[in-house]
């Protein structure tokens, strides 16, 4: 069965020098097929899933301590690692300084 509510892990970054500043702008990393923007048409890749997007769905049911790979993923996004960014749908910091 599938849950009736959808919990999501959302990865965001900011260019603000003080991330706690209320005026800091946080920008979301979109995934290729993970549900997100309700206005975006869902991708269709049957019978396969994008592995990272699939793992993100399950990570939302647990804590980050139970999914240590999310910490490594965040570090690779902060470092703007090319291979990791290729797994993402969008990079909000493309052509700019890393978050």
C-alpha atoms as a PDB file:
ATOM      1  CA  UNK A   1       0.000   0.000   0.000  1.00  0.00           C
ATOM      2  CA  UNK A   2       0.997   3.623  -0.393  1.00  0.00           C
ATOM      3  CA  UNK A   3       0.666   6.242   2.305  1.00  0.00           C
ATOM      4  CA  UNK A   4      -2.148   8.771   2.160  1.00  0.00           C
ATOM      5  CA  UNK A   5       0.158  11.669   3.027  1.00  0.00           C
ATOM      6  CA  UNK A   6       3.353  12.540   1.206  1.00  0.00           C
ATOM      7  CA  UNK A   7       6.334  13.562   3.284  1.00  0.00           C
ATOM      8  CA  UNK A   8       9.272  14.928   1.308  1.00  0.00           C
ATOM      9  CA  UNK A   9      12.908  15.740   1.851  1.00  0.00           C
ATOM     10  CA  UNK A  10      13.676  19.052   0.160  1.00  0.00           C
ATOM     11  CA  UNK A  11      17.268  20.118  -0.433  1.00  0.00           C
ATOM     12  CA  UNK A  12      17.885  23.859  -0.546  1.00  0.00           C
ATOM     13  CA  UNK A  13      20.894  26.156  -0.561  1.00  0.00           C
ATOM     14  CA  UNK A  14      21.470  29.854  -0.029  1.00  0.00           C
ATOM     15  CA  UNK A  15      24.092  32.338  -1.165  1.00  0.00           C
ATOM     16  CA  UNK A  16      23.463  34.434   1.927  1.00  0.00           C
ATOM     17  CA  UNK A  17      26.463  34.962   4.186  1.00  0.00           C
ATOM     18  CA  UNK A  18      24.138  34.444   7.151  1.00  0.00           C
ATOM     19  CA  UNK A  19      21.742  31.553   6.507  1.00  0.00           C
ATOM     20  CA  UNK A  20      19.801  32.476   9.659  1.00  0.00           C
ATOM     21  CA  UNK A  21      19.026  35.950   8.317  1.00  0.00           C
ATOM     22  CA  UNK A  22      15.257  36.190   7.709  1.00  0.00           C
ATOM     23  CA  UNK A  23      15.964  37.862   4.361  1.00  0.00           C
ATOM     24  CA  UNK A  24      18.165  34.950   3.162  1.00  0.00           C
ATOM     25  CA  UNK A  25      16.849  33.492  -0.086  1.00  0.00           C
ATOM     26  CA  UNK A  26      16.792  29.694  -0.113  1.00  0.00           C
ATOM     27  CA  UNK A  27      16.727  27.981  -3.499  1.00  0.00           C
ATOM     28  CA  UNK A  28      15.573  24.410  -4.066  1.00  0.00           C
ATOM     29  CA  UNK A  29      17.409  21.705  -5.950  1.00  0.00           C
ATOM     30  CA  UNK A  30      14.866  19.935  -8.142  1.00  0.00           C
ATOM     31  CA  UNK A  31      15.114  16.255  -8.953  1.00  0.00           C
ATOM     32  CA  UNK A  32      14.418  14.677 -12.309  1.00  0.00           C
ATOM     33  CA  UNK A  33      11.466  12.564 -11.196  1.00  0.00           C
ATOM     34  CA  UNK A  34      10.898  13.064  -7.474  1.00  0.00           C
ATOM     35  CA  UNK A  35       7.517  14.617  -6.824  1.00  0.00           C
ATOM     36  CA  UNK A  36       7.883  18.277  -6.022  1.00  0.00           C
ATOM     37  CA  UNK A  37       6.298  21.183  -7.839  1.00  0.00           C
ATOM     38  CA  UNK A  38       2.584  20.381  -8.067  1.00  0.00           C
ATOM     39  CA  UNK A  39       2.378  22.301 -11.357  1.00  0.00           C
ATOM     40  CA  UNK A  40       5.011  20.090 -13.011  1.00  0.00           C
ATOM     41  CA  UNK A  41       3.819  17.109 -14.976  1.00  0.00           C
ATOM     42  CA  UNK A  42       5.072  13.850 -13.445  1.00  0.00           C
ATOM     43  CA  UNK A  43       7.777  12.036 -15.349  1.00  0.00           C
ATOM     44  CA  UNK A  44       7.018   8.646 -16.825  1.00  0.00           C
ATOM     45  CA  UNK A  45       9.858   6.138 -16.774  1.00  0.00           C
ATOM     46  CA  UNK A  46       8.134   2.806 -16.266  1.00  0.00           C
ATOM     47  CA  UNK A  47       9.221   0.186 -15.337  1.00  0.00           C
ATOM     48  CA  UNK A  48      12.310   1.903 -13.900  1.00  0.00           C
ATOM     49  CA  UNK A  49      12.910   4.630 -11.339  1.00  0.00           C
ATOM     50  CA  UNK A  50      15.636   7.197 -11.025  1.00  0.00           C
ATOM     51  CA  UNK A  51      17.510   5.663  -8.105  1.00  0.00           C
ATOM     52  CA  UNK A  52      18.282   8.903  -6.254  1.00  0.00           C
ATOM     53  CA  UNK A  53      14.708  10.145  -6.595  1.00  0.00           C
ATOM     54  CA  UNK A  54      13.423   6.789  -5.339  1.00  0.00           C
ATOM     55  CA  UNK A  55      15.782   6.874  -2.333  1.00  0.00           C
ATOM     56  CA  UNK A  56      14.638  10.416  -1.487  1.00  0.00           C
ATOM     57  CA  UNK A  57      11.073   9.159  -1.209  1.00  0.00           C
ATOM     58  CA  UNK A  58      12.059   6.514   1.334  1.00  0.00           C
ATOM     59  CA  UNK A  59      14.397   8.875   3.198  1.00  0.00           C
ATOM     60  CA  UNK A  60      11.382  11.009   4.054  1.00  0.00           C
ATOM     61  CA  UNK A  61      10.052   8.189   6.241  1.00  0.00           C
ATOM     62  CA  UNK A  62      13.168   8.152   8.439  1.00  0.00           C
ATOM     63  CA  UNK A  63      15.727  10.470  10.033  1.00  0.00           C
ATOM     64  CA  UNK A  64      18.945  11.628   8.407  1.00  0.00           C
ATOM     65  CA  UNK A  65      20.837   9.450  10.895  1.00  0.00           C
ATOM     66  CA  UNK A  66      19.194   6.455   9.264  1.00  0.00           C
ATOM     67  CA  UNK A  67      20.127   7.801   5.807  1.00  0.00           C
ATOM     68  CA  UNK A  68      23.690   9.069   6.161  1.00  0.00           C
ATOM     69  CA  UNK A  69      24.047   9.204   2.385  1.00  0.00           C
ATOM     70  CA  UNK A  70      21.914  12.390   2.409  1.00  0.00           C
ATOM     71  CA  UNK A  71      24.679  14.194   4.314  1.00  0.00           C
ATOM     72  CA  UNK A  72      27.189  13.082   1.680  1.00  0.00           C
ATOM     73  CA  UNK A  73      24.811  14.165  -1.091  1.00  0.00           C
ATOM     74  CA  UNK A  74      24.450  17.621   0.492  1.00  0.00           C
ATOM     75  CA  UNK A  75      28.233  17.929   0.735  1.00  0.00           C
ATOM     76  CA  UNK A  76      28.645  17.052  -2.934  1.00  0.00           C
ATOM     77  CA  UNK A  77      25.989  19.617  -3.884  1.00  0.00           C
ATOM     78  CA  UNK A  78      27.768  22.267  -1.796  1.00  0.00           C
ATOM     79  CA  UNK A  79      31.017  21.399  -3.597  1.00  0.00           C
ATOM     80  CA  UNK A  80      29.127  21.604  -6.931  1.00  0.00           C
ATOM     81  CA  UNK A  81      30.427  18.171  -7.918  1.00  0.00           C
ATOM     82  CA  UNK A  82      29.679  17.747 -11.609  1.00  0.00           C
ATOM     83  CA  UNK A  83      28.713  14.054 -11.414  1.00  0.00           C
ATOM     84  CA  UNK A  84      26.318  14.659  -8.526  1.00  0.00           C
ATOM     85  CA  UNK A  85      24.728  17.681 -10.191  1.00  0.00           C
ATOM     86  CA  UNK A  86      24.083  15.528 -13.280  1.00  0.00           C
ATOM     87  CA  UNK A  87      21.672  13.482 -11.135  1.00  0.00           C
ATOM     88  CA  UNK A  88      19.601  16.563 -10.345  1.00  0.00           C
ATOM     89  CA  UNK A  89      16.835  18.071 -12.437  1.00  0.00           C
ATOM     90  CA  UNK A  90      18.091  21.624 -11.848  1.00  0.00           C
ATOM     91  CA  UNK A  91      20.988  23.364 -10.161  1.00  0.00           C
ATOM     92  CA  UNK A  92      19.797  26.718  -8.824  1.00  0.00           C
ATOM     93  CA  UNK A  93      23.452  27.838  -8.500  1.00  0.00           C
ATOM     94  CA  UNK A  94      24.544  27.055 -12.070  1.00  0.00           C
ATOM     95  CA  UNK A  95      27.002  29.703 -13.237  1.00  0.00           C
ATOM     96  CA  UNK A  96      27.211  31.244  -9.757  1.00  0.00           C
ATOM     97  CA  UNK A  97      29.248  30.766  -6.623  1.00  0.00           C
ATOM     98  CA  UNK A  98      28.316  27.595  -4.699  1.00  0.00           C
ATOM     99  CA  UNK A  99      25.893  27.952  -1.797  1.00  0.00           C
END
